[in-house]
C-alpha atoms as a PDB file:
ATOM      1  CA  MET A   1     -59.900   5.611  47.427  1.00  0.00           C
ATOM      2  CA  GLU A   2     -56.674   3.401  47.167  1.00  0.00           C
ATOM      3  CA  LEU A   3     -58.322   1.492  44.303  1.00  0.00           C
ATOM      4  CA  ILE A   4     -59.088   4.670  42.413  1.00  0.00           C
ATOM      5  CA  LEU A   5     -55.595   5.761  42.954  1.00  0.00           C
ATOM      6  CA  PHE A   6     -54.299   2.559  41.732  1.00  0.00           C
ATOM      7  CA  LEU A   7     -56.351   2.674  38.554  1.00  0.00           C
ATOM      8  CA  ALA A   8     -55.251   6.278  38.030  1.00  0.00           C
ATOM      9  CA  THR A   9     -51.519   5.295  38.461  1.00  0.00           C
ATOM     10  CA  ALA A  10     -51.981   2.538  35.899  1.00  0.00           C
ATOM     11  CA  VAL A  11     -53.656   4.906  33.446  1.00  0.00           C
ATOM     12  CA  CYS A  12     -50.990   7.546  33.899  1.00  0.00           C
ATOM     13  CA  LEU A  13     -48.129   5.208  33.436  1.00  0.00           C
ATOM     14  CA  LEU A  14     -49.703   3.798  30.221  1.00  0.00           C
ATOM     15  CA  LEU A  15     -50.167   7.356  28.968  1.00  0.00           C
ATOM     16  CA  CYS A  16     -46.530   8.252  29.664  1.00  0.00           C
ATOM     17  CA  GLY A  17     -45.310   5.128  27.988  1.00  0.00           C
ATOM     18  CA  TYR A  18     -47.558   5.833  24.820  1.00  0.00           C
ATOM     19  CA  VAL A  19     -46.509   9.407  24.719  1.00  0.00           C
ATOM     20  CA  GLY A  20     -42.837   8.381  25.142  1.00  0.00           C
ATOM     21  CA  LEU A  21     -43.087   5.871  22.300  1.00  0.00           C
ATOM     22  CA  SER A  22     -44.877   8.223  19.988  1.00  0.00           C
ATOM     23  CA  SER A  23     -42.404  11.220  20.615  1.00  0.00           C
ATOM     24  CA  ARG A  24     -39.355   8.846  20.811  1.00  0.00           C
ATOM     25  CA  SER A  25     -38.359  10.304  24.232  1.00  0.00           C
ATOM     26  CA  PRO A  26     -38.012   8.491  27.509  1.00  0.00           C
ATOM     27  CA  VAL A  27     -38.379  11.531  29.687  1.00  0.00           C
ATOM     28  CA  PHE A  28     -42.061  10.923  30.438  1.00  0.00           C
ATOM     29  CA  ILE A  29     -41.872   7.445  31.852  1.00  0.00           C
ATOM     30  CA  ILE A  30     -38.551   8.271  33.579  1.00  0.00           C
ATOM     31  CA  VAL A  31     -39.960  11.133  35.364  1.00  0.00           C
ATOM     32  CA  SER A  32     -43.266   9.483  36.423  1.00  0.00           C
ATOM     33  CA  LEU A  33     -41.443   6.349  37.766  1.00  0.00           C
ATOM     34  CA  THR A  34     -38.879   8.577  39.540  1.00  0.00           C
ATOM     35  CA  ALA A  35     -41.739  10.395  41.225  1.00  0.00           C
ATOM     36  CA  MET A  36     -43.328   7.275  42.437  1.00  0.00           C
ATOM     37  CA  LEU A  37     -39.934   6.108  43.785  1.00  0.00           C
ATOM     38  CA  THR A  38     -39.366   9.317  45.797  1.00  0.00           C
ATOM     39  CA  GLY A  39     -42.908   9.145  47.035  1.00  0.00           C
ATOM     40  CA  MET A  40     -41.477   6.638  49.591  1.00  0.00           C
ATOM     41  CA  GLY A  41     -39.920   9.675  51.224  1.00  0.00           C
ATOM     42  CA  THR A  42     -43.122  11.618  51.563  1.00  0.00           C
ATOM     43  CA  PRO A  43     -43.603  10.516  55.217  1.00  0.00           C
ATOM     44  CA  LEU A  44     -40.312  12.250  56.098  1.00  0.00           C
ATOM     45  CA  TRP A  45     -41.608  15.621  54.794  1.00  0.00           C
ATOM     46  CA  HIS A  46     -44.825  15.019  56.515  1.00  0.00           C
ATOM     47  CA  ILE A  47     -42.955  14.660  59.907  1.00  0.00           C
ATOM     48  CA  LEU A  48     -41.158  17.899  59.290  1.00  0.00           C
ATOM     49  CA  TYR A  49     -44.211  19.793  58.438  1.00  0.00           C
ATOM     50  CA  GLY A  50     -46.588  18.269  60.881  1.00  0.00           C
ATOM     51  CA  ILE A  51     -48.795  16.250  58.458  1.00  0.00           C
ATOM     52  CA  ALA A  52     -50.251  13.052  59.572  1.00  0.00           C
ATOM     53  CA  TYR A  53     -51.650  10.251  57.371  1.00  0.00           C
ATOM     54  CA  ASN A  54     -54.775   8.582  58.147  1.00  0.00           C
ATOM     55  CA  PRO A  55     -53.754   5.481  60.285  1.00  0.00           C
ATOM     56  CA  GLU A  56     -56.401   3.286  58.599  1.00  0.00           C
ATOM     57  CA  LEU A  57     -54.501   3.564  55.218  1.00  0.00           C
ATOM     58  CA  SER A  58     -52.761   0.470  54.097  1.00  0.00           C
ATOM     59  CA  THR A  59     -48.868   0.479  54.304  1.00  0.00           C
ATOM     60  CA  ILE A  60     -45.906  -0.995  52.696  1.00  0.00           C
ATOM     61  CA  PHE A  61     -42.153  -1.370  53.712  1.00  0.00           C
ATOM     62  CA  GLY A  62     -42.786  -2.526  57.277  1.00  0.00           C
ATOM     63  CA  ALA A  63     -45.792  -0.434  57.855  1.00  0.00           C
ATOM     64  CA  THR A  64     -43.838   2.759  57.584  1.00  0.00           C
ATOM     65  CA  VAL A  65     -44.917   4.134  54.185  1.00  0.00           C
ATOM     66  CA  PRO A  66     -48.644   4.534  53.189  1.00  0.00           C
ATOM     67  CA  THR A  67     -49.506   2.876  49.900  1.00  0.00           C
ATOM     68  CA  ILE A  68     -50.857   6.117  48.559  1.00  0.00           C
ATOM     69  CA  ALA A  69     -47.521   7.846  49.120  1.00  0.00           C
ATOM     70  CA  VAL A  70     -46.031   5.526  46.328  1.00  0.00           C
ATOM     71  CA  LEU A  71     -49.027   5.238  44.098  1.00  0.00           C
ATOM     72  CA  GLY A  72     -49.696   9.012  44.320  1.00  0.00           C
ATOM     73  CA  GLY A  73     -45.981  10.090  43.600  1.00  0.00           C
ATOM     74  CA  TRP A  74     -46.805  10.708  39.950  1.00  0.00           C
ATOM     75  CA  VAL A  75     -49.330  13.455  41.054  1.00  0.00           C
ATOM     76  CA  LEU A  76     -46.520  15.769  41.796  1.00  0.00           C
ATOM     77  CA  VAL A  77     -45.161  15.720  38.287  1.00  0.00           C
ATOM     78  CA  PHE A  78     -48.350  15.152  36.354  1.00  0.00           C
ATOM     79  CA  PRO A  79     -48.909  18.927  35.537  1.00  0.00           C
ATOM     80  CA  THR A  80     -45.191  19.191  34.624  1.00  0.00           C
ATOM     81  CA  LEU A  81     -45.583  16.398  32.114  1.00  0.00           C
ATOM     82  CA  VAL A  82     -48.918  17.743  30.747  1.00  0.00           C
ATOM     83  CA  VAL A  83     -47.470  21.303  30.319  1.00  0.00           C
ATOM     84  CA  PHE A  84     -44.213  20.054  28.846  1.00  0.00           C
ATOM     85  CA  MET A  85     -46.160  17.744  26.388  1.00  0.00           C
ATOM     86  CA  ALA A  86     -48.318  20.791  25.225  1.00  0.00           C
ATOM     87  CA  LEU A  87     -45.404  23.284  24.922  1.00  0.00           C
ATOM     88  CA  ARG A  88     -42.423  21.410  23.767  1.00  0.00           C
ATOM     89  CA  ARG A  89     -43.084  22.095  19.980  1.00  0.00           C
ATOM     90  CA  GLN A  90     -44.499  25.637  20.347  1.00  0.00           C
ATOM     91  CA  PHE A  91     -41.811  26.903  22.860  1.00  0.00           C
ATOM     92  CA  GLY A  92     -40.926  29.910  20.530  1.00  0.00           C
ATOM     93  CA  GLU A  93     -44.139  31.442  21.563  1.00  0.00           C
ATOM     94  CA  TYR A  94     -43.517  30.961  25.178  1.00  0.00           C
ATOM     95  CA  GLY A  95     -42.859  34.049  27.312  1.00  0.00           C
ATOM     96  CA  ILE A  96     -43.104  35.699  30.699  1.00  0.00           C
ATOM     97  CA  PHE A  97     -46.881  35.775  30.826  1.00  0.00           C
ATOM     98  CA  GLN A  98     -47.271  32.277  29.790  1.00  0.00           C
ATOM     99  CA  SER A  99     -44.605  31.172  32.374  1.00  0.00           C
ATOM    100  CA  TRP A 100     -46.428  32.915  35.279  1.00  0.00           C
ATOM    101  CA  SER A 101     -49.801  31.501  33.999  1.00  0.00           C
ATOM    102  CA  VAL A 102     -48.446  28.070  34.027  1.00  0.00           C
ATOM    103  CA  ILE A 103     -47.195  28.665  37.669  1.00  0.00           C
ATOM    104  CA  GLY A 104     -50.631  29.883  38.686  1.00  0.00           C
ATOM    105  CA  GLY A 105     -52.287  26.914  37.108  1.00  0.00           C
ATOM    106  CA  MET A 106     -49.992  24.589  38.868  1.00  0.00           C
ATOM    107  CA  LEU A 107     -50.509  26.354  42.211  1.00  0.00           C
ATOM    108  CA  ILE A 108     -54.266  25.860  41.837  1.00  0.00           C
ATOM    109  CA  TYR A 109     -53.838  22.209  40.954  1.00  0.00           C
ATOM    110  CA  PHE A 110     -51.746  21.379  44.072  1.00  0.00           C
ATOM    111  CA  TRP A 111     -53.954  23.632  46.446  1.00  0.00           C
ATOM    112  CA  VAL A 112     -57.038  21.540  45.321  1.00  0.00           C
ATOM    113  CA  ILE A 113     -55.019  18.322  45.854  1.00  0.00           C
ATOM    114  CA  GLU A 114     -54.167  19.416  49.384  1.00  0.00           C
ATOM    115  CA  LEU A 115     -57.538  20.593  50.259  1.00  0.00           C
ATOM    116  CA  LEU A 116     -59.035  17.181  48.812  1.00  0.00           C
ATOM    117  CA  GLY A 117     -56.629  15.164  50.827  1.00  0.00           C
ATOM    118  CA  VAL A 118     -57.897  16.874  54.116  1.00  0.00           C
ATOM    119  CA  GLN A 119     -61.530  16.823  53.185  1.00  0.00           C
ATOM    120  CA  THR A 120     -61.420  13.088  52.456  1.00  0.00           C
ATOM    121  CA  GLY A 121     -59.413  12.301  55.536  1.00  0.00           C
ATOM    122  CA  LEU A 122     -56.375  10.905  53.716  1.00  0.00           C
ATOM    123  CA  TRP A 123     -54.149  13.313  55.877  1.00  0.00           C
ATOM    124  CA  SER A 124     -54.457  16.087  58.397  1.00  0.00           C
ATOM    125  CA  TYR A 125     -52.254  19.057  59.571  1.00  0.00           C
ATOM    126  CA  ASP A 126     -51.104  19.908  63.002  1.00  0.00           C
ATOM    127  CA  ASN A 127     -51.851  23.523  62.210  1.00  0.00           C
ATOM    128  CA  GLU A 128     -54.518  24.436  59.636  1.00  0.00           C
ATOM    129  CA  ILE A 129     -53.140  28.035  59.703  1.00  0.00           C
ATOM    130  CA  ALA A 130     -49.338  28.445  59.199  1.00  0.00           C
ATOM    131  CA  ALA A 131     -49.111  32.014  60.641  1.00  0.00           C
ATOM    132  CA  PHE A 132     -50.950  35.393  60.455  1.00  0.00           C
ATOM    133  CA  GLY A 133     -53.912  33.654  58.784  1.00  0.00           C
ATOM    134  CA  PHE A 134     -52.038  32.123  55.877  1.00  0.00           C
ATOM    135  CA  PRO A 135     -53.417  28.678  55.031  1.00  0.00           C
ATOM    136  CA  PHE A 136     -51.035  25.783  55.536  1.00  0.00           C
ATOM    137  CA  SER A 137     -52.465  24.085  52.579  1.00  0.00           C
ATOM    138  CA  LEU A 138     -51.504  26.999  50.405  1.00  0.00           C
ATOM    139  CA  PHE A 139     -48.022  27.079  51.764  1.00  0.00           C
ATOM    140  CA  LEU A 140     -47.698  23.349  50.873  1.00  0.00           C
ATOM    141  CA  ALA A 141     -49.162  23.962  47.350  1.00  0.00           C
ATOM    142  CA  LEU A 142     -46.571  26.725  46.820  1.00  0.00           C
ATOM    143  CA  LEU A 143     -43.734  24.201  47.710  1.00  0.00           C
ATOM    144  CA  HIS A 144     -45.174  21.559  45.395  1.00  0.00           C
ATOM    145  CA  THR A 145     -45.506  24.198  42.635  1.00  0.00           C
ATOM    146  CA  PHE A 146     -41.947  25.306  42.994  1.00  0.00           C
ATOM    147  CA  CYS A 147     -40.661  21.810  42.614  1.00  0.00           C
ATOM    148  CA  ALA A 148     -42.847  20.936  39.663  1.00  0.00           C
ATOM    149  CA  ALA A 149     -42.027  24.318  37.837  1.00  0.00           C
ATOM    150  CA  ALA A 150     -38.260  23.728  38.325  1.00  0.00           C
ATOM    151  CA  MET A 151     -38.672  20.156  36.835  1.00  0.00           C
ATOM    152  CA  LEU A 152     -40.481  21.620  33.857  1.00  0.00           C
ATOM    153  CA  ARG A 153     -37.570  23.866  33.302  1.00  0.00           C
ATOM    154  CA  VAL A 154     -35.177  21.052  33.522  1.00  0.00           C
ATOM    155  CA  LEU A 155     -37.242  18.860  31.027  1.00  0.00           C
ATOM    156  CA  PHE A 156     -36.677  21.478  28.225  1.00  0.00           C
ATOM    157  CA  GLU A 157     -32.897  20.741  28.534  1.00  0.00           C
ATOM    158  CA  TYR A 158     -33.092  16.996  28.374  1.00  0.00           C
ATOM    159  CA  TRP A 159     -35.688  16.867  25.644  1.00  0.00           C
ATOM    160  CA  ARG A 160     -34.433  14.590  22.705  1.00  0.00           C
ATOM    161  CA  LEU A 161     -31.368  13.510  24.511  1.00  0.00           C
ATOM    162  CA  PRO A 162     -30.213   9.801  24.666  1.00  0.00           C
ATOM    163  CA  LEU A 163     -31.510   7.595  27.329  1.00  0.00           C
ATOM    164  CA  ALA A 164     -28.196   7.352  29.165  1.00  0.00           C
ATOM    165  CA  VAL A 165     -28.141  11.191  29.594  1.00  0.00           C
ATOM    166  CA  THR A 166     -31.903  11.234  30.392  1.00  0.00           C
ATOM    167  CA  LEU A 167     -31.371   9.039  33.395  1.00  0.00           C
ATOM    168  CA  GLN A 168     -29.733  12.051  35.135  1.00  0.00           C
ATOM    169  CA  LEU A 169     -33.375  13.235  35.645  1.00  0.00           C
ATOM    170  CA  ILE A 170     -33.577  10.634  38.506  1.00  0.00           C
ATOM    171  CA  PRO A 171     -31.042  12.411  40.810  1.00  0.00           C
ATOM    172  CA  ILE A 172     -32.252  15.942  39.514  1.00  0.00           C
ATOM    173  CA  TRP A 173     -35.862  15.187  40.764  1.00  0.00           C
ATOM    174  CA  CYS A 174     -34.436  13.848  44.119  1.00  0.00           C
ATOM    175  CA  GLY A 175     -32.268  16.907  44.461  1.00  0.00           C
ATOM    176  CA  LEU A 176     -35.254  19.285  43.656  1.00  0.00           C
ATOM    177  CA  GLN A 177     -37.351  17.529  46.482  1.00  0.00           C
ATOM    178  CA  LEU A 178     -34.486  18.134  48.944  1.00  0.00           C
ATOM    179  CA  LEU A 179     -34.025  21.664  47.900  1.00  0.00           C
ATOM    180  CA  THR A 180     -37.761  22.467  48.138  1.00  0.00           C
ATOM    181  CA  TYR A 181     -38.851  20.613  51.207  1.00  0.00           C
ATOM    182  CA  ALA A 182     -35.678  20.366  53.301  1.00  0.00           C
ATOM    183  CA  LEU A 183     -34.089  23.782  52.455  1.00  0.00           C
ATOM    184  CA  ILE A 184     -36.612  26.250  51.147  1.00  0.00           C
ATOM    185  CA  GLY A 185     -39.219  25.248  53.707  1.00  0.00           C
ATOM    186  CA  ALA A 186     -36.659  25.058  56.546  1.00  0.00           C
ATOM    187  CA  PRO A 187     -37.169  28.546  57.890  1.00  0.00           C
ATOM    188  CA  TYR A 188     -40.839  27.740  58.488  1.00  0.00           C
ATOM    189  CA  TYR A 189     -40.592  24.304  60.040  1.00  0.00           C
ATOM    190  CA  ALA A 190     -37.512  25.128  61.996  1.00  0.00           C
ATOM    191  CA  MET A 191     -39.257  28.000  63.715  1.00  0.00           C
ATOM    192  CA  SER A 192     -42.252  25.772  64.255  1.00  0.00           C
ATOM    193  CA  TYR A 193     -40.116  23.218  66.157  1.00  0.00           C
ATOM    194  CA  LEU A 194     -38.146  25.705  68.010  1.00  0.00           C
ATOM    195  CA  SER A 195     -40.901  27.723  69.497  1.00  0.00           C
ATOM    196  CA  ASN A 196     -44.656  28.216  69.487  1.00  0.00           C
ATOM    197  CA  ASN A 197     -44.245  31.940  69.359  1.00  0.00           C
ATOM    198  CA  THR A 198     -46.413  33.309  66.742  1.00  0.00           C
ATOM    199  CA  TRP A 199     -43.934  36.017  65.634  1.00  0.00           C
ATOM    200  CA  LEU A 200     -41.096  33.490  65.162  1.00  0.00           C
ATOM    201  CA  MET A 201     -43.329  31.377  63.108  1.00  0.00           C
ATOM    202  CA  THR A 202     -44.289  34.305  61.165  1.00  0.00           C
ATOM    203  CA  ILE A 203     -40.665  35.298  60.440  1.00  0.00           C
ATOM    204  CA  GLY A 204     -40.014  31.711  59.315  1.00  0.00           C
ATOM    205  CA  LEU A 205     -42.943  31.659  56.993  1.00  0.00           C
ATOM    206  CA  VAL A 206     -42.125  34.919  55.484  1.00  0.00           C
ATOM    207  CA  CYS A 207     -38.485  33.688  54.752  1.00  0.00           C
ATOM    208  CA  SER A 208     -39.834  30.557  53.131  1.00  0.00           C
ATOM    209  CA  LEU A 209     -42.311  32.463  51.030  1.00  0.00           C
ATOM    210  CA  GLY A 210     -39.573  34.948  49.965  1.00  0.00           C
ATOM    211  CA  LEU A 211     -37.328  31.970  48.887  1.00  0.00           C
ATOM    212  CA  ILE A 212     -40.296  30.534  47.014  1.00  0.00           C
ATOM    213  CA  GLY A 213     -40.952  33.873  45.281  1.00  0.00           C
ATOM    214  CA  TRP A 214     -37.272  34.263  44.418  1.00  0.00           C
ATOM    215  CA  GLY A 215     -37.180  30.730  42.997  1.00  0.00           C
ATOM    216  CA  PHE A 216     -40.075  31.383  40.742  1.00  0.00           C
ATOM    217  CA  VAL A 217     -38.424  34.546  39.436  1.00  0.00           C
ATOM    218  CA  ILE A 218     -35.330  32.451  38.561  1.00  0.00           C
ATOM    219  CA  ILE A 219     -37.473  29.753  36.921  1.00  0.00           C
ATOM    220  CA  VAL A 220     -39.361  32.389  34.731  1.00  0.00           C
ATOM    221  CA  ASN A 221     -36.172  34.022  33.881  1.00  0.00           C
ATOM    222  CA  GLY A 222     -34.749  30.538  32.794  1.00  0.00           C
ATOM    223  CA  PHE A 223     -37.675  30.157  30.501  1.00  0.00           C
ATOM    224  CA  VAL A 224     -37.098  33.516  28.908  1.00  0.00           C
ATOM    225  CA  SER A 225     -33.404  32.856  28.398  1.00  0.00           C
ATOM    226  CA  LEU A 226     -34.182  29.277  26.941  1.00  0.00           C
ATOM    227  CA  LYS A 227     -36.660  30.955  24.454  1.00  0.00           C
ATOM    228  CA  SER A 228     -34.112  33.352  23.459  1.00  0.00           C
ATOM    229  CA  SER A 229     -31.673  30.492  22.720  1.00  0.00           C
ATOM    230  CA  TYR A 230     -34.435  28.713  20.731  1.00  0.00           C
ATOM    231  CA  GLY A 231     -34.840  31.841  18.609  1.00  0.00           C
ATOM    232  CA  GLN A 232     -31.089  32.106  18.116  1.00  0.00           C
ATOM    233  CA  THR A 233     -31.091  28.485  16.854  1.00  0.00           C
ATOM    234  CA  ALA A 234     -33.864  29.219  14.433  1.00  0.00           C
ATOM    235  CA  ARG A 235     -31.956  32.145  12.958  1.00  0.00           C
ATOM    236  CA  ILE A 236     -28.905  30.066  12.469  1.00  0.00           C
ATOM    237  CA  ILE A 237     -30.827  27.544  10.548  1.00  0.00           C
ATOM    238  CA  ILE A 238     -32.616  30.080   8.385  1.00  0.00           C
ATOM    239  CA  GLN A 239     -29.657  32.428   7.807  1.00  0.00           C
ATOM    240  CA  PRO A 240     -27.711  30.085   5.274  1.00  0.00           C
ATOM    241  CA  GLU A 241     -30.777  30.404   2.852  1.00  0.00           C
ATOM    242  CA  TYR A 242     -30.340  34.118   2.363  1.00  0.00           C
ATOM    243  CA  PRO A 243     -27.120  34.130   0.146  1.00  0.00           C
ATOM    244  CA  TYR A 244     -28.885  31.875  -2.435  1.00  0.00           C
ATOM    245  CA  ASP A 245     -31.815  34.462  -2.761  1.00  0.00           C
ATOM    246  CA  GLU A 246     -29.444  37.529  -3.212  1.00  0.00           C
ATOM    247  CA  PRO A 247     -27.992  38.311  -6.671  1.00  0.00           C
ATOM    248  CA  ALA A 248     -24.233  37.879  -6.983  1.00  0.00           C
ATOM    249  CA  SER A 249     -22.225  41.028  -7.070  1.00  0.00           C
ATOM    250  CA  GLY A 250     -21.490  42.375 -10.557  1.00  0.00           C
ATOM    251  CA  GLU A 251     -24.617  41.051 -12.103  1.00  0.00           C
END
């Protein structure tokens, strides 16, 4: 499994480098490398949420970080980069329906990743069910989706900017992970640690789900406002051509 992940990581980085060179934008390689770097912090989130790696996995950095946490860091931003690469030139046709469709597609992607990790024995959960029958794997997939969708929105702001400015994506991605896993998920994991009471865990889960849903609405509205600004830019570019097509007064 680790060999397969290593080969997939190499292919992903080569692909990001090729797309970055062809599009003359460093965002692809910067985001993918940053995701791998922040993958070293994955064990911290796993401790908070009661997720355990397989002890037989190889580790790095003093046997504290599993190798797959670093090699697989790009998995969190892969759908973001793919969607961004596909939509960056046709963003004028991007709307609310497309935004929610992208979020839904990302959710399915991350849910499959979580389920595959459990089925193959890469990691396991302390609680398969978060509360009132809600799958814990789906809850994690929602957190991953929020982080990836927020990064997608950010990428449209940094597209075609100089390298020195694009480097701001490094702290932005780190900040998004802190916001997602440390703050948005806090109501759930805090209640889980404070008490085993089902009702308290349910309240914490509902609060976290509410924050995620609110975040999705903000992201979608952000895409809509960005689309509007793209349209206004297009009108500004086209408008100066009109006077040359109109006859002069008095003719």
